[in-house]
Amino acid sequence: MTKTLVLPIKKKWFDMISSGEKKEEYREIKPYYQTRFDKPLTHVKFTNGYGNSVPSVTVELLGISKGVPKPEWSEGTIEQGSLVFVLSLGKIVASPPDDFSPLVSELTPGDFIE
């Protein structure tokens, strides 16, 4: 059974993940993310923004650890050298066209899809 977490990201990072260039995503270590990452997850659905018709890409989640972000994949978003959650990303499993957004209107960031 798949367990997918929905996370919004900025266009720069969305494009890099969609192209397969960026293999890690970072989140600050906060209780909000800790509770979400404590659940067994298999995939992450990244959305480029919020709303009913935003681009999305679903990627295999290989694991979650704590570490220091790579500067080229976190520039300007996280203080360099700080400890963060590191989401290790695998292959892209779904990349719908920009006008395809089933259920997005019913989801909020941090929701899970089974």
N, C-alpha and C. Protein backbone atom coordinates (compact mmCIF):
# COMPACT_ATOMS: atom_id res chain seq x y z
N MET A 1 0.84 -1.18 0.00
CA MET A 1 0.00 0.00 0.00
C MET A 1 0.89 1.25 0.00
N THR A 2 0.53 2.20 -0.83
CA THR A 2 1.30 3.43 -0.88
C THR A 2 0.73 4.44 0.11
N LYS A 3 1.61 5.23 0.64
CA LYS A 3 1.24 6.31 1.56
C LYS A 3 1.98 7.55 1.07
N THR A 4 1.23 8.53 0.56
CA THR A 4 1.82 9.69 -0.08
C THR A 4 1.56 10.95 0.73
N LEU A 5 2.60 11.73 0.95
CA LEU A 5 2.50 13.02 1.63
C LEU A 5 2.52 14.12 0.59
N VAL A 6 1.63 15.10 0.72
CA VAL A 6 1.56 16.24 -0.21
C VAL A 6 2.34 17.41 0.39
N LEU A 7 3.31 17.93 -0.39
CA LEU A 7 4.11 19.07 0.05
C LEU A 7 4.19 20.12 -1.06
N PRO A 8 3.88 21.36 -0.77
CA PRO A 8 4.05 22.43 -1.76
C PRO A 8 5.51 22.90 -1.78
N ILE A 9 6.01 23.23 -2.98
CA ILE A 9 7.37 23.76 -3.11
C ILE A 9 7.39 24.87 -4.15
N LYS A 10 8.44 25.66 -4.10
CA LYS A 10 8.59 26.76 -5.05
C LYS A 10 8.97 26.21 -6.43
N LYS A 11 8.69 27.02 -7.46
CA LYS A 11 8.88 26.60 -8.85
C LYS A 11 10.31 26.13 -9.14
N LYS A 12 11.30 26.84 -8.64
CA LYS A 12 12.69 26.46 -8.91
C LYS A 12 12.95 25.02 -8.49
N TRP A 13 12.52 24.67 -7.27
CA TRP A 13 12.77 23.32 -6.75
C TRP A 13 11.84 22.31 -7.43
N PHE A 14 10.61 22.73 -7.73
CA PHE A 14 9.67 21.86 -8.44
C PHE A 14 10.24 21.44 -9.80
N ASP A 15 10.76 22.40 -10.53
CA ASP A 15 11.33 22.11 -11.85
C ASP A 15 12.54 21.17 -11.74
N MET A 16 13.37 21.37 -10.73
CA MET A 16 14.56 20.53 -10.56
C MET A 16 14.16 19.09 -10.17
N ILE A 17 13.15 18.94 -9.34
CA ILE A 17 12.68 17.60 -8.97
C ILE A 17 12.00 16.95 -10.17
N SER A 18 11.16 17.70 -10.88
CA SER A 18 10.46 17.15 -12.05
C SER A 18 11.42 16.67 -13.13
N SER A 19 12.56 17.33 -13.26
CA SER A 19 13.53 16.93 -14.28
C SER A 19 14.42 15.78 -13.81
N GLY A 20 14.35 15.45 -12.53
CA GLY A 20 15.20 14.40 -11.98
C GLY A 20 16.55 14.90 -11.50
N GLU A 21 16.78 16.21 -11.60
CA GLU A 21 18.06 16.79 -11.20
C GLU A 21 18.23 16.83 -9.68
N LYS A 22 17.17 17.22 -8.97
CA LYS A 22 17.24 17.35 -7.51
C LYS A 22 16.75 16.05 -6.87
N LYS A 23 17.60 15.42 -6.08
CA LYS A 23 17.30 14.12 -5.49
C LYS A 23 17.04 14.18 -3.99
N GLU A 24 17.03 15.39 -3.44
CA GLU A 24 16.74 15.58 -2.02
C GLU A 24 15.86 16.81 -1.85
N GLU A 25 14.96 16.73 -0.88
CA GLU A 25 14.17 17.89 -0.49
C GLU A 25 14.39 18.08 1.00
N TYR A 26 14.35 19.32 1.45
CA TYR A 26 14.68 19.62 2.84
C TYR A 26 13.52 20.29 3.54
N ARG A 27 13.38 19.96 4.82
CA ARG A 27 12.39 20.60 5.68
C ARG A 27 13.03 20.87 7.03
N GLU A 28 12.70 22.02 7.59
CA GLU A 28 13.22 22.37 8.91
C GLU A 28 12.76 21.34 9.93
N ILE A 29 13.57 21.13 10.95
CA ILE A 29 13.19 20.20 12.01
C ILE A 29 12.26 20.95 12.96
N LYS A 30 10.98 20.63 12.82
CA LYS A 30 9.93 21.25 13.63
C LYS A 30 8.89 20.17 13.95
N PRO A 31 8.14 20.35 15.02
CA PRO A 31 7.12 19.35 15.37
C PRO A 31 6.13 19.09 14.23
N TYR A 32 5.79 20.12 13.46
CA TYR A 32 4.85 19.97 12.34
C TYR A 32 5.31 18.86 11.40
N TYR A 33 6.58 18.88 11.00
CA TYR A 33 7.10 17.87 10.08
C TYR A 33 7.39 16.56 10.79
N GLN A 34 7.84 16.64 12.03
CA GLN A 34 8.14 15.41 12.78
C GLN A 34 6.92 14.49 12.82
N THR A 35 5.74 15.05 13.09
CA THR A 35 4.54 14.22 13.17
C THR A 35 4.19 13.61 11.81
N ARG A 36 4.46 14.30 10.74
CA ARG A 36 4.18 13.77 9.40
C ARG A 36 5.20 12.72 8.99
N PHE A 37 6.46 12.94 9.34
CA PHE A 37 7.52 12.03 8.93
C PHE A 37 7.60 10.79 9.82
N ASP A 38 6.91 10.80 10.96
CA ASP A 38 6.89 9.61 11.82
C ASP A 38 6.02 8.50 11.25
N LYS A 39 5.17 8.84 10.29
CA LYS A 39 4.29 7.85 9.65
C LYS A 39 5.05 7.12 8.54
N PRO A 40 4.66 5.89 8.25
CA PRO A 40 5.33 5.18 7.14
C PRO A 40 4.91 5.78 5.79
N LEU A 41 5.86 6.35 5.09
CA LEU A 41 5.58 7.01 3.81
C LEU A 41 6.30 6.28 2.68
N THR A 42 5.66 6.24 1.52
CA THR A 42 6.28 5.62 0.35
C THR A 42 6.53 6.62 -0.78
N HIS A 43 5.76 7.71 -0.81
CA HIS A 43 5.85 8.69 -1.90
C HIS A 43 5.62 10.10 -1.36
N VAL A 44 6.10 11.08 -2.14
CA VAL A 44 5.82 12.49 -1.87
C VAL A 44 5.23 13.08 -3.14
N LYS A 45 4.10 13.76 -2.99
CA LYS A 45 3.50 14.48 -4.11
C LYS A 45 3.84 15.96 -3.90
N PHE A 46 4.70 16.48 -4.76
CA PHE A 46 5.08 17.89 -4.69
C PHE A 46 4.13 18.68 -5.57
N THR A 47 3.62 19.77 -5.03
CA THR A 47 2.78 20.67 -5.82
C THR A 47 3.50 22.00 -5.95
N ASN A 48 3.36 22.61 -7.09
CA ASN A 48 3.96 23.93 -7.32
C ASN A 48 2.91 24.99 -7.00
N GLY A 49 2.73 25.22 -5.71
CA GLY A 49 1.76 26.20 -5.26
C GLY A 49 0.55 25.54 -4.62
N TYR A 50 -0.48 26.34 -4.44
CA TYR A 50 -1.71 25.90 -3.80
C TYR A 50 -2.86 26.10 -4.77
N GLY A 51 -3.96 25.40 -4.54
CA GLY A 51 -5.15 25.64 -5.35
C GLY A 51 -5.58 24.42 -6.12
N ASN A 52 -6.57 24.64 -6.97
CA ASN A 52 -7.22 23.55 -7.69
C ASN A 52 -6.45 23.05 -8.90
N SER A 53 -5.69 23.88 -9.52
CA SER A 53 -5.06 23.48 -10.78
C SER A 53 -3.58 23.83 -10.80
N VAL A 54 -2.84 23.25 -9.89
CA VAL A 54 -1.40 23.50 -9.83
C VAL A 54 -0.65 22.28 -10.35
N PRO A 55 0.51 22.49 -10.96
CA PRO A 55 1.31 21.34 -11.41
C PRO A 55 1.73 20.50 -10.21
N SER A 56 1.87 19.19 -10.45
CA SER A 56 2.31 18.30 -9.38
C SER A 56 3.19 17.20 -9.96
N VAL A 57 3.99 16.61 -9.09
CA VAL A 57 4.83 15.48 -9.46
C VAL A 57 4.90 14.57 -8.24
N THR A 58 4.73 13.27 -8.46
CA THR A 58 4.81 12.30 -7.38
C THR A 58 6.10 11.50 -7.53
N VAL A 59 6.84 11.41 -6.43
CA VAL A 59 8.18 10.80 -6.45
C VAL A 59 8.27 9.75 -5.35
N GLU A 60 8.98 8.66 -5.63
CA GLU A 60 9.24 7.66 -4.60
C GLU A 60 10.03 8.30 -3.47
N LEU A 61 9.70 7.93 -2.24
CA LEU A 61 10.46 8.39 -1.09
C LEU A 61 11.35 7.25 -0.63
N LEU A 62 12.66 7.42 -0.78
CA LEU A 62 13.61 6.36 -0.42
C LEU A 62 13.91 6.35 1.07
N GLY A 63 13.77 7.49 1.72
CA GLY A 63 14.03 7.56 3.15
C GLY A 63 14.04 8.99 3.65
N ILE A 64 13.97 9.11 4.98
CA ILE A 64 14.03 10.41 5.63
C ILE A 64 15.09 10.32 6.71
N SER A 65 16.00 11.28 6.70
CA SER A 65 17.05 11.32 7.71
C SER A 65 17.24 12.76 8.15
N LYS A 66 18.17 12.97 9.05
CA LYS A 66 18.53 14.33 9.45
C LYS A 66 19.94 14.58 8.95
N GLY A 67 20.18 15.77 8.42
CA GLY A 67 21.49 16.09 7.89
C GLY A 67 21.58 17.56 7.53
N VAL A 68 22.67 17.90 6.88
CA VAL A 68 22.92 19.27 6.43
C VAL A 68 22.57 19.35 4.94
N PRO A 69 21.79 20.35 4.54
CA PRO A 69 21.40 20.44 3.13
C PRO A 69 22.55 20.82 2.21
N LYS A 70 22.47 20.33 0.98
CA LYS A 70 23.44 20.73 -0.04
C LYS A 70 23.14 22.18 -0.45
N PRO A 71 24.15 23.03 -0.50
CA PRO A 71 23.91 24.44 -0.81
C PRO A 71 23.19 24.65 -2.15
N GLU A 72 23.53 23.86 -3.16
CA GLU A 72 22.91 24.05 -4.47
C GLU A 72 21.44 23.65 -4.51
N TRP A 73 20.97 22.92 -3.49
CA TRP A 73 19.58 22.48 -3.46
C TRP A 73 18.79 23.14 -2.33
N SER A 74 19.37 24.15 -1.69
CA SER A 74 18.65 24.80 -0.58
C SER A 74 18.92 26.29 -0.52
N GLU A 75 19.57 26.81 -1.51
CA GLU A 75 20.00 28.21 -1.55
C GLU A 75 18.87 29.18 -1.20
N GLY A 76 19.11 29.97 -0.16
CA GLY A 76 18.16 31.00 0.21
C GLY A 76 16.94 30.53 0.98
N THR A 77 16.78 29.24 1.19
CA THR A 77 15.59 28.76 1.88
C THR A 77 15.88 28.27 3.29
N ILE A 78 17.09 27.79 3.53
CA ILE A 78 17.47 27.25 4.83
C ILE A 78 18.86 27.77 5.16
N GLU A 79 19.06 28.13 6.41
CA GLU A 79 20.38 28.61 6.82
C GLU A 79 21.42 27.52 6.61
N GLN A 80 22.47 27.84 5.87
CA GLN A 80 23.50 26.87 5.57
C GLN A 80 24.16 26.34 6.83
N GLY A 81 24.38 25.04 6.87
CA GLY A 81 25.01 24.40 8.01
C GLY A 81 24.03 23.94 9.07
N SER A 82 22.75 24.32 8.94
CA SER A 82 21.77 23.91 9.94
C SER A 82 21.31 22.48 9.67
N LEU A 83 20.89 21.80 10.72
CA LEU A 83 20.40 20.43 10.63
C LEU A 83 18.94 20.47 10.19
N VAL A 84 18.60 19.64 9.19
CA VAL A 84 17.25 19.60 8.63
C VAL A 84 16.83 18.15 8.40
N PHE A 85 15.54 17.96 8.11
CA PHE A 85 15.09 16.67 7.60
C PHE A 85 15.51 16.59 6.13
N VAL A 86 16.07 15.47 5.74
CA VAL A 86 16.48 15.25 4.36
C VAL A 86 15.58 14.15 3.79
N LEU A 87 14.79 14.49 2.79
CA LEU A 87 13.94 13.52 2.11
C LEU A 87 14.71 13.05 0.88
N SER A 88 15.10 11.78 0.86
CA SER A 88 15.83 11.21 -0.28
C SER A 88 14.81 10.73 -1.30
N LEU A 89 14.93 11.25 -2.52
CA LEU A 89 13.93 11.00 -3.55
C LEU A 89 14.41 9.97 -4.57
N GLY A 90 13.49 9.11 -4.99
CA GLY A 90 13.77 8.10 -6.00
C GLY A 90 13.19 8.51 -7.34
N LYS A 91 12.65 7.53 -8.04
CA LYS A 91 12.14 7.82 -9.39
C LYS A 91 10.79 8.52 -9.36
N ILE A 92 10.54 9.26 -10.41
CA ILE A 92 9.26 9.95 -10.58
C ILE A 92 8.24 8.91 -11.02
N VAL A 93 7.12 8.85 -10.32
CA VAL A 93 6.10 7.86 -10.65
C VAL A 93 4.87 8.46 -11.31
N ALA A 94 4.67 9.77 -11.14
CA ALA A 94 3.54 10.43 -11.79
C ALA A 94 3.85 11.90 -11.97
N SER A 95 3.66 12.36 -13.18
CA SER A 95 3.86 13.76 -13.48
C SER A 95 2.75 14.22 -14.42
N PRO A 96 1.56 14.51 -13.84
CA PRO A 96 0.42 14.88 -14.68
C PRO A 96 0.65 16.19 -15.41
N PRO A 97 -0.07 16.41 -16.49
CA PRO A 97 0.03 17.70 -17.19
C PRO A 97 -0.45 18.82 -16.28
N ASP A 98 -0.07 20.04 -16.62
CA ASP A 98 -0.38 21.19 -15.77
C ASP A 98 -1.87 21.37 -15.50
N ASP A 99 -2.72 20.95 -16.43
CA ASP A 99 -4.15 21.18 -16.24
C ASP A 99 -4.84 20.00 -15.53
N PHE A 100 -4.10 19.02 -15.07
CA PHE A 100 -4.65 17.85 -14.40
C PHE A 100 -4.45 17.98 -12.91
N SER A 101 -5.54 18.00 -12.13
CA SER A 101 -5.39 18.17 -10.69
C SER A 101 -6.50 17.45 -9.92
N PRO A 102 -6.63 16.14 -10.04
CA PRO A 102 -7.69 15.46 -9.30
C PRO A 102 -7.44 15.56 -7.80
N LEU A 103 -8.48 15.85 -7.08
CA LEU A 103 -8.47 15.90 -5.62
C LEU A 103 -7.65 17.05 -5.02
N VAL A 104 -6.94 17.82 -5.82
CA VAL A 104 -6.10 18.87 -5.24
C VAL A 104 -6.96 19.86 -4.47
N SER A 105 -8.17 20.14 -4.95
CA SER A 105 -9.02 21.10 -4.25
C SER A 105 -9.45 20.58 -2.88
N GLU A 106 -9.40 19.27 -2.69
CA GLU A 106 -9.80 18.68 -1.43
C GLU A 106 -8.63 18.49 -0.48
N LEU A 107 -7.41 18.78 -0.92
CA LEU A 107 -6.22 18.54 -0.11
C LEU A 107 -5.63 19.84 0.41
N THR A 108 -4.99 19.75 1.55
CA THR A 108 -4.20 20.85 2.06
C THR A 108 -2.80 20.34 2.28
N PRO A 109 -1.80 21.21 2.28
CA PRO A 109 -0.43 20.76 2.48
C PRO A 109 -0.31 19.95 3.76
N GLY A 110 0.42 18.86 3.66
CA GLY A 110 0.60 17.99 4.81
C GLY A 110 -0.39 16.84 4.84
N ASP A 111 -1.41 16.86 3.94
CA ASP A 111 -2.36 15.75 3.87
C ASP A 111 -1.69 14.51 3.31
N PHE A 112 -2.31 13.38 3.59
CA PHE A 112 -1.82 12.10 3.08
C PHE A 112 -2.81 11.56 2.06
N ILE A 113 -2.29 10.84 1.06
CA ILE A 113 -3.12 10.17 0.07
C ILE A 113 -2.81 8.68 0.19
N GLU A 114 -3.84 7.86 0.25
CA GLU A 114 -3.60 6.41 0.29
C GLU A 114 -4.00 5.80 -1.02
